[in-house]
PDB file of all heavy atoms in Angstrom:
ATOM      1  N   PHE A   1     -30.324  11.769-117.073  1.00  0.00           N
ATOM      2  CA  PHE A   1     -30.676  11.627-118.530  1.00  0.00           C
ATOM      3  C   PHE A   1     -32.027  11.499-118.687  1.00  0.00           C
ATOM      4  O   PHE A   1     -32.818  11.009-117.668  1.00  0.00           O
ATOM      5  CB  PHE A   1     -29.793  10.435-119.119  1.00  0.00           C
ATOM      6  CG  PHE A   1     -30.296   9.150-118.629  1.00  0.00           C
ATOM      7  CD1 PHE A   1     -31.144   8.367-119.362  1.00  0.00           C
ATOM      8  CD2 PHE A   1     -29.899   8.582-117.429  1.00  0.00           C
ATOM      9  CE1 PHE A   1     -31.580   7.131-118.956  1.00  0.00           C
ATOM     10  CE2 PHE A   1     -30.344   7.285-117.025  1.00  0.00           C
ATOM     11  CZ  PHE A   1     -31.163   6.586-117.828  1.00  0.00           C
ATOM     12  N   GLY A   2     -32.695  11.867-119.892  1.00  0.00           N
ATOM     13  CA  GLY A   2     -33.998  11.643-119.998  1.00  0.00           C
ATOM     14  C   GLY A   2     -34.597  11.672-121.347  1.00  0.00           C
ATOM     15  O   GLY A   2     -33.839  11.831-122.343  1.00  0.00           O
ATOM     16  N   TYR A   3     -35.745  11.558-121.570  1.00  0.00           N
ATOM     17  CA  TYR A   3     -36.502  11.658-122.929  1.00  0.00           C
ATOM     18  C   TYR A   3     -37.784  12.455-122.661  1.00  0.00           C
ATOM     19  O   TYR A   3     -38.595  12.304-121.759  1.00  0.00           O
ATOM     20  CB  TYR A   3     -36.942  10.295-123.334  1.00  0.00           C
ATOM     21  CG  TYR A   3     -37.779  10.156-124.560  1.00  0.00           C
ATOM     22  CD1 TYR A   3     -37.127  10.199-125.775  1.00  0.00           C
ATOM     23  CD2 TYR A   3     -39.175   9.979-124.444  1.00  0.00           C
ATOM     24  CE1 TYR A   3     -37.887  10.141-127.005  1.00  0.00           C
ATOM     25  CE2 TYR A   3     -39.893  10.010-125.649  1.00  0.00           C
ATOM     26  CZ  TYR A   3     -39.229  10.113-126.891  1.00  0.00           C
ATOM     27  OH  TYR A   3     -40.011   9.994-128.069  1.00  0.00           O
ATOM     28  N   SER A   4     -37.977  13.430-123.598  1.00  0.00           N
ATOM     29  CA  SER A   4     -39.165  14.305-123.489  1.00  0.00           C
ATOM     30  C   SER A   4     -39.622  14.424-124.905  1.00  0.00           C
ATOM     31  O   SER A   4     -39.351  15.368-125.637  1.00  0.00           O
ATOM     32  CB  SER A   4     -38.680  15.754-123.003  1.00  0.00           C
ATOM     33  OG  SER A   4     -39.807  16.518-122.942  1.00  0.00           O
ATOM     34  N   GLY A   5     -40.542  13.510-125.274  1.00  0.00           N
ATOM     35  CA  GLY A   5     -41.093  13.417-126.518  1.00  0.00           C
ATOM     36  C   GLY A   5     -42.303  14.375-126.805  1.00  0.00           C
ATOM     37  O   GLY A   5     -42.873  14.356-127.883  1.00  0.00           O
ATOM     38  N   VAL A   6     -42.734  15.119-125.775  1.00  0.00           N
ATOM     39  CA  VAL A   6     -43.863  16.049-125.926  1.00  0.00           C
ATOM     40  C   VAL A   6     -43.286  17.585-125.950  1.00  0.00           C
ATOM     41  O   VAL A   6     -43.550  18.239-126.868  1.00  0.00           O
ATOM     42  CB  VAL A   6     -44.783  15.815-124.762  1.00  0.00           C
ATOM     43  CG1 VAL A   6     -45.944  16.907-124.886  1.00  0.00           C
ATOM     44  CG2 VAL A   6     -45.402  14.393-124.860  1.00  0.00           C
ATOM     45  N   LYS A   7     -42.559  17.922-124.920  1.00  0.00           N
ATOM     46  CA  LYS A   7     -42.036  19.276-124.789  1.00  0.00           C
ATOM     47  C   LYS A   7     -40.795  19.415-125.572  1.00  0.00           C
ATOM     48  O   LYS A   7     -40.436  20.554-125.808  1.00  0.00           O
ATOM     49  CB  LYS A   7     -41.846  19.581-123.393  1.00  0.00           C
ATOM     50  CG  LYS A   7     -43.080  19.675-122.470  1.00  0.00           C
ATOM     51  CD  LYS A   7     -42.713  20.013-121.046  1.00  0.00           C
ATOM     52  CE  LYS A   7     -42.092  21.326-120.851  1.00  0.00           C
ATOM     53  NZ  LYS A   7     -41.847  21.711-119.471  1.00  0.00           N
ATOM     54  N   PHE A   8     -39.926  18.368-125.762  1.00  0.00           N
ATOM     55  CA  PHE A   8     -38.763  18.493-126.414  1.00  0.00           C
ATOM     56  C   PHE A   8     -37.775  19.423-125.494  1.00  0.00           C
ATOM     57  O   PHE A   8     -37.861  19.421-124.333  1.00  0.00           O
ATOM     58  CB  PHE A   8     -38.795  18.949-127.781  1.00  0.00           C
ATOM     59  CG  PHE A   8     -39.353  17.870-128.786  1.00  0.00           C
ATOM     60  CD1 PHE A   8     -40.748  17.727-128.987  1.00  0.00           C
ATOM     61  CD2 PHE A   8     -38.519  17.025-129.388  1.00  0.00           C
ATOM     62  CE1 PHE A   8     -41.349  16.813-129.766  1.00  0.00           C
ATOM     63  CE2 PHE A   8     -39.152  16.061-130.278  1.00  0.00           C
ATOM     64  CZ  PHE A   8     -40.468  15.892-130.394  1.00  0.00           C
ATOM     65  N   GLY A   9     -36.854  20.136-126.203  1.00  0.00           N
ATOM     66  CA  GLY A   9     -36.005  21.155-125.499  1.00  0.00           C
ATOM     67  C   GLY A   9     -34.637  20.793-125.250  1.00  0.00           C
ATOM     68  O   GLY A   9     -33.773  21.522-124.775  1.00  0.00           O
ATOM     69  N   GLY A  10     -34.172  19.636-125.770  1.00  0.00           N
ATOM     70  CA  GLY A  10     -32.804  19.216-125.534  1.00  0.00           C
ATOM     71  C   GLY A  10     -31.753  19.953-126.310  1.00  0.00           C
ATOM     72  O   GLY A  10     -30.519  19.850-125.834  1.00  0.00           O
ATOM     73  N   HIS A  11     -32.144  20.598-127.239  1.00  0.00           N
ATOM     74  CA  HIS A  11     -31.192  21.340-128.092  1.00  0.00           C
ATOM     75  C   HIS A  11     -31.044  22.723-127.577  1.00  0.00           C
ATOM     76  O   HIS A  11     -31.052  23.647-128.331  1.00  0.00           O
ATOM     77  CB  HIS A  11     -31.527  21.310-129.615  1.00  0.00           C
ATOM     78  CG  HIS A  11     -31.619  20.041-130.220  1.00  0.00           C
ATOM     79  ND1 HIS A  11     -32.398  19.745-131.341  1.00  0.00           N
ATOM     80  CD2 HIS A  11     -31.113  18.850-129.844  1.00  0.00           C
ATOM     81  CE1 HIS A  11     -32.217  18.431-131.783  1.00  0.00           C
ATOM     82  NE2 HIS A  11     -31.480  17.858-130.801  1.00  0.00           N
ATOM     83  N   ALA A  12     -30.834  22.852-126.254  1.00  0.00           N
ATOM     84  CA  ALA A  12     -30.717  24.143-125.733  1.00  0.00           C
ATOM     85  C   ALA A  12     -29.850  23.960-124.343  1.00  0.00           C
ATOM     86  O   ALA A  12     -29.619  22.882-123.902  1.00  0.00           O
ATOM     87  CB  ALA A  12     -32.096  24.692-125.362  1.00  0.00           C
ATOM     88  N   GLY A  13     -29.453  25.085-123.805  1.00  0.00           N
ATOM     89  CA  GLY A  13     -28.658  25.126-122.606  1.00  0.00           C
ATOM     90  C   GLY A  13     -29.365  24.581-121.416  1.00  0.00           C
ATOM     91  O   GLY A  13     -28.788  24.013-120.480  1.00  0.00           O
ATOM     92  N   TYR A  14     -30.740  24.794-121.391  1.00  0.00           N
ATOM     93  CA  TYR A  14     -31.569  24.289-120.206  1.00  0.00           C
ATOM     94  C   TYR A  14     -32.828  23.905-120.764  1.00  0.00           C
ATOM     95  O   TYR A  14     -33.407  24.296-121.738  1.00  0.00           O
ATOM     96  CB  TYR A  14     -31.770  25.475-119.201  1.00  0.00           C
ATOM     97  CG  TYR A  14     -30.550  26.029-118.500  1.00  0.00           C
ATOM     98  CD1 TYR A  14     -29.717  26.906-118.962  1.00  0.00           C
ATOM     99  CD2 TYR A  14     -30.282  25.454-117.173  1.00  0.00           C
ATOM    100  CE1 TYR A  14     -28.587  27.235-118.317  1.00  0.00           C
ATOM    101  CE2 TYR A  14     -29.197  25.851-116.470  1.00  0.00           C
ATOM    102  CZ  TYR A  14     -28.305  26.831-117.056  1.00  0.00           C
ATOM    103  OH  TYR A  14     -27.225  27.297-116.395  1.00  0.00           O
ATOM    104  N   LEU A  15     -33.380  22.894-120.021  1.00  0.00           N
ATOM    105  CA  LEU A  15     -34.751  22.466-120.322  1.00  0.00           C
ATOM    106  C   LEU A  15     -35.511  22.118-119.031  1.00  0.00           C
ATOM    107  O   LEU A  15     -34.885  21.803-117.966  1.00  0.00           O
ATOM    108  CB  LEU A  15     -34.784  21.259-121.252  1.00  0.00           C
ATOM    109  CG  LEU A  15     -34.298  19.891-120.922  1.00  0.00           C
ATOM    110  CD1 LEU A  15     -35.105  19.163-119.851  1.00  0.00           C
ATOM    111  CD2 LEU A  15     -34.107  18.986-122.164  1.00  0.00           C
ATOM    112  N   THR A  16     -36.884  22.031-118.942  1.00  0.00           N
ATOM    113  CA  THR A  16     -37.569  21.596-117.944  1.00  0.00           C
ATOM    114  C   THR A  16     -38.215  20.220-118.198  1.00  0.00           C
ATOM    115  O   THR A  16     -38.627  20.012-119.398  1.00  0.00           O
ATOM    116  CB  THR A  16     -38.689  22.608-117.429  1.00  0.00           C
ATOM    117  OG1 THR A  16     -39.527  22.913-118.605  1.00  0.00           O
ATOM    118  CG2 THR A  16     -38.019  23.899-116.984  1.00  0.00           C
ATOM    119  N   VAL A  17     -38.427  19.317-117.332  1.00  0.00           N
ATOM    120  CA  VAL A  17     -38.930  18.069-117.537  1.00  0.00           C
ATOM    121  C   VAL A  17     -39.696  17.684-116.294  1.00  0.00           C
ATOM    122  O   VAL A  17     -39.284  18.055-115.016  1.00  0.00           O
ATOM    123  CB  VAL A  17     -37.881  17.074-117.815  1.00  0.00           C
ATOM    124  CG1 VAL A  17     -36.899  16.861-116.794  1.00  0.00           C
ATOM    125  CG2 VAL A  17     -38.572  15.650-118.212  1.00  0.00           C
ATOM    126  N   THR A  18     -40.854  17.070-116.306  1.00  0.00           N
ATOM    127  CA  THR A  18     -41.522  16.523-115.204  1.00  0.00           C
ATOM    128  C   THR A  18     -40.712  15.534-114.468  1.00  0.00           C
ATOM    129  O   THR A  18     -40.214  14.551-115.021  1.00  0.00           O
ATOM    130  CB  THR A  18     -42.942  15.943-115.732  1.00  0.00           C
ATOM    131  OG1 THR A  18     -43.665  16.902-116.444  1.00  0.00           O
ATOM    132  CG2 THR A  18     -43.760  15.534-114.351  1.00  0.00           C
ATOM    133  N   ALA A  19     -40.605  15.679-113.149  1.00  0.00           N
ATOM    134  CA  ALA A  19     -39.851  14.724-112.310  1.00  0.00           C
ATOM    135  C   ALA A  19     -40.362  13.338-112.262  1.00  0.00           C
ATOM    136  O   ALA A  19     -39.559  12.475-111.988  1.00  0.00           O
ATOM    137  CB  ALA A  19     -39.740  15.366-110.901  1.00  0.00           C
ATOM    138  N   THR A  20     -41.584  13.132-112.601  1.00  0.00           N
ATOM    139  CA  THR A  20     -42.129  11.791-112.561  1.00  0.00           C
ATOM    140  C   THR A  20     -42.156  11.238-114.011  1.00  0.00           C
ATOM    141  O   THR A  20     -42.639  10.157-114.156  1.00  0.00           O
ATOM    142  CB  THR A  20     -43.555  11.763-112.058  1.00  0.00           C
ATOM    143  OG1 THR A  20     -44.289  12.678-112.798  1.00  0.00           O
ATOM    144  CG2 THR A  20     -43.702  12.156-110.490  1.00  0.00           C
ATOM    145  N   GLY A  21     -41.537  12.019-114.962  1.00  0.00           N
ATOM    146  CA  GLY A  21     -41.546  11.442-116.275  1.00  0.00           C
ATOM    147  C   GLY A  21     -40.337  10.594-116.619  1.00  0.00           C
ATOM    148  O   GLY A  21     -39.815  10.009-115.628  1.00  0.00           O
ATOM    149  N   MET A  22     -39.981  10.528-117.795  1.00  0.00           N
ATOM    150  CA  MET A  22     -38.942   9.606-118.217  1.00  0.00           C
ATOM    151  C   MET A  22     -37.559  10.300-117.971  1.00  0.00           C
ATOM    152  O   MET A  22     -36.826  10.740-118.908  1.00  0.00           O
ATOM    153  CB  MET A  22     -39.074   9.253-119.729  1.00  0.00           C
ATOM    154  CG  MET A  22     -38.640   7.800-120.077  1.00  0.00           C
ATOM    155  SD  MET A  22     -39.123   7.336-121.657  1.00  0.00           S
ATOM    156  CE  MET A  22     -38.614   5.586-121.685  1.00  0.00           C
ATOM    157  N   VAL A  23     -37.116  10.250-116.754  1.00  0.00           N
ATOM    158  CA  VAL A  23     -35.910  10.812-116.338  1.00  0.00           C
ATOM    159  C   VAL A  23     -35.245   9.988-115.199  1.00  0.00           C
ATOM    160  O   VAL A  23     -36.000   9.476-114.421  1.00  0.00           O
ATOM    161  CB  VAL A  23     -36.001  12.220-115.905  1.00  0.00           C
ATOM    162  CG1 VAL A  23     -37.035  12.462-114.768  1.00  0.00           C
ATOM    163  CG2 VAL A  23     -34.711  12.937-115.609  1.00  0.00           C
ATOM    164  N   ALA A  24     -33.932   9.821-115.239  1.00  0.00           N
ATOM    165  CA  ALA A  24     -33.332   8.957-114.196  1.00  0.00           C
ATOM    166  C   ALA A  24     -31.803   9.492-113.966  1.00  0.00           C
ATOM    167  O   ALA A  24     -31.301  10.207-114.849  1.00  0.00           O
ATOM    168  CB  ALA A  24     -33.238   7.554-114.650  1.00  0.00           C
ATOM    169  N   GLU A  25     -31.199   8.995-112.896  1.00  0.00           N
ATOM    170  CA  GLU A  25     -29.806   9.386-112.636  1.00  0.00           C
ATOM    171  C   GLU A  25     -28.820   8.658-113.559  1.00  0.00           C
ATOM    172  O   GLU A  25     -29.119   7.521-113.883  1.00  0.00           O
ATOM    173  CB  GLU A  25     -29.525   9.062-111.218  1.00  0.00           C
ATOM    174  CG  GLU A  25     -28.134   9.677-110.771  1.00  0.00           C
ATOM    175  CD  GLU A  25     -27.847   9.499-109.254  1.00  0.00           C
ATOM    176  OE1 GLU A  25     -28.619   8.700-108.588  1.00  0.00           O
ATOM    177  OE2 GLU A  25     -26.990  10.209-108.781  1.00  0.00           O
ATOM    178  N   ILE A  26     -27.800   9.465-114.054  1.00  0.00           N
ATOM    179  CA  ILE A  26     -26.840   8.728-114.876  1.00  0.00           C
ATOM    180  C   ILE A  26     -26.061   7.862-114.091  1.00  0.00           C
ATOM    181  O   ILE A  26     -25.508   8.201-112.986  1.00  0.00           O
ATOM    182  CB  ILE A  26     -25.943   9.892-115.550  1.00  0.00           C
ATOM    183  CG1 ILE A  26     -26.843  10.808-116.472  1.00  0.00           C
ATOM    184  CG2 ILE A  26     -24.835   9.218-116.370  1.00  0.00           C
ATOM    185  CD1 ILE A  26     -26.004  11.881-117.028  1.00  0.00           C
ATOM    186  N   PRO A  27     -25.840   6.602-114.539  1.00  0.00           N
ATOM    187  CA  PRO A  27     -24.978   5.699-113.814  1.00  0.00           C
ATOM    188  C   PRO A  27     -23.606   6.217-113.595  1.00  0.00           C
ATOM    189  O   PRO A  27     -23.132   7.019-114.499  1.00  0.00           O
ATOM    190  CB  PRO A  27     -25.013   4.341-114.667  1.00  0.00           C
ATOM    191  CG  PRO A  27     -26.250   4.488-115.473  1.00  0.00           C
ATOM    192  CD  PRO A  27     -26.418   6.022-115.735  1.00  0.00           C
ATOM    193  N   ALA A  28     -22.819   5.774-112.594  1.00  0.00           N
ATOM    194  CA  ALA A  28     -21.513   6.153-112.400  1.00  0.00           C
ATOM    195  C   ALA A  28     -20.587   5.755-113.616  1.00  0.00           C
ATOM    196  O   ALA A  28     -20.819   4.734-114.293  1.00  0.00           O
ATOM    197  CB  ALA A  28     -20.983   5.517-111.064  1.00  0.00           C
ATOM    198  N   ASP A  29     -19.584   6.688-113.876  1.00  0.00           N
ATOM    199  CA  ASP A  29     -18.657   6.354-114.978  1.00  0.00           C
ATOM    200  C   ASP A  29     -19.274   6.397-116.384  1.00  0.00           C
ATOM    201  O   ASP A  29     -18.636   5.915-117.313  1.00  0.00           O
ATOM    202  CB  ASP A  29     -18.014   4.967-114.727  1.00  0.00           C
ATOM    203  CG  ASP A  29     -17.207   4.790-113.389  1.00  0.00           C
ATOM    204  OD1 ASP A  29     -16.678   5.833-113.036  1.00  0.00           O
ATOM    205  OD2 ASP A  29     -17.249   3.684-112.852  1.00  0.00           O
ATOM    206  N   VAL A  30     -20.449   6.951-116.545  1.00  0.00           N
ATOM    207  CA  VAL A  30     -20.981   7.169-117.776  1.00  0.00           C
ATOM    208  C   VAL A  30     -21.097   8.557-118.010  1.00  0.00           C
ATOM    209  O   VAL A  30     -21.548   9.372-117.186  1.00  0.00           O
ATOM    210  CB  VAL A  30     -22.465   6.507-117.850  1.00  0.00           C
ATOM    211  CG1 VAL A  30     -23.171   6.869-119.170  1.00  0.00           C
ATOM    212  CG2 VAL A  30     -22.491   5.011-117.648  1.00  0.00           C
ATOM    213  N   SER A  31     -20.473   9.126-119.105  1.00  0.00           N
ATOM    214  CA  SER A  31     -20.403  10.521-119.429  1.00  0.00           C
ATOM    215  C   SER A  31     -21.806  11.059-119.843  1.00  0.00           C
ATOM    216  O   SER A  31     -22.731  10.311-120.240  1.00  0.00           O
ATOM    217  CB  SER A  31     -19.361  10.784-120.488  1.00  0.00           C
ATOM    218  OG  SER A  31     -19.796  10.285-121.718  1.00  0.00           O
ATOM    219  N   TYR A  32     -21.919  12.401-119.924  1.00  0.00           N
ATOM    220  CA  TYR A  32     -23.086  12.981-120.416  1.00  0.00           C
ATOM    221  C   TYR A  32     -23.349  12.611-121.901  1.00  0.00           C
ATOM    222  O   TYR A  32     -24.504  12.308-122.354  1.00  0.00           O
ATOM    223  CB  TYR A  32     -23.034  14.508-120.342  1.00  0.00           C
ATOM    224  CG  TYR A  32     -23.176  15.109-118.980  1.00  0.00           C
ATOM    225  CD1 TYR A  32     -22.032  15.832-118.335  1.00  0.00           C
ATOM    226  CD2 TYR A  32     -24.279  14.860-118.208  1.00  0.00           C
ATOM    227  CE1 TYR A  32     -22.010  16.257-117.055  1.00  0.00           C
ATOM    228  CE2 TYR A  32     -24.226  15.400-116.889  1.00  0.00           C
ATOM    229  CZ  TYR A  32     -23.210  16.151-116.305  1.00  0.00           C
ATOM    230  OH  TYR A  32     -23.265  16.546-115.106  1.00  0.00           O
ATOM    231  N   VAL A  33     -22.287  12.619-122.671  1.00  0.00           N
ATOM    232  CA  VAL A  33     -22.386  12.270-124.139  1.00  0.00           C
ATOM    233  C   VAL A  33     -22.857  10.806-124.217  1.00  0.00           C
ATOM    234  O   VAL A  33     -23.739  10.406-125.087  1.00  0.00           O
ATOM    235  CB  VAL A  33     -20.999  12.321-124.909  1.00  0.00           C
ATOM    236  CG1 VAL A  33     -20.983  11.618-126.213  1.00  0.00           C
ATOM    237  CG2 VAL A  33     -20.743  13.900-125.071  1.00  0.00           C
ATOM    238  N   GLU A  34     -22.303   9.821-123.424  1.00  0.00           N
ATOM    239  CA  GLU A  34     -22.685   8.460-123.431  1.00  0.00           C
ATOM    240  C   GLU A  34     -24.151   8.290-122.966  1.00  0.00           C
ATOM    241  O   GLU A  34     -24.886   7.348-123.409  1.00  0.00           O
ATOM    242  CB  GLU A  34     -21.679   7.640-122.613  1.00  0.00           C
ATOM    243  CG  GLU A  34     -20.247   7.554-123.202  1.00  0.00           C
ATOM    244  CD  GLU A  34     -19.375   7.011-122.194  1.00  0.00           C
ATOM    245  OE1 GLU A  34     -19.563   7.206-121.045  1.00  0.00           O
ATOM    246  OE2 GLU A  34     -18.326   6.429-122.683  1.00  0.00           O
ATOM    247  N   ALA A  35     -24.539   9.087-122.026  1.00  0.00           N
ATOM    248  CA  ALA A  35     -25.961   9.005-121.382  1.00  0.00           C
ATOM    249  C   ALA A  35     -26.972   9.473-122.367  1.00  0.00           C
ATOM    250  O   ALA A  35     -28.185   9.083-122.250  1.00  0.00           O
ATOM    251  CB  ALA A  35     -25.959   9.687-120.084  1.00  0.00           C
ATOM    252  N   SER A  36     -26.742  10.562-123.163  1.00  0.00           N
ATOM    253  CA  SER A  36     -27.718  11.169-123.874  1.00  0.00           C
ATOM    254  C   SER A  36     -28.574  10.400-124.845  1.00  0.00           C
ATOM    255  O   SER A  36     -29.814  10.574-124.990  1.00  0.00           O
ATOM    256  CB  SER A  36     -27.201  12.426-124.670  1.00  0.00           C
ATOM    257  OG  SER A  36     -26.161  11.969-125.525  1.00  0.00           O
TER     258      SER A  36
END
């Protein structure tokens, strides 16, 4: 899950995000909808 307040792109099938940016692994038992 992540946040991209400069490039945006979440309203699409794919996006790119810097690996050192605001992105992390979704905790176990948390769905994509709950993580977004």
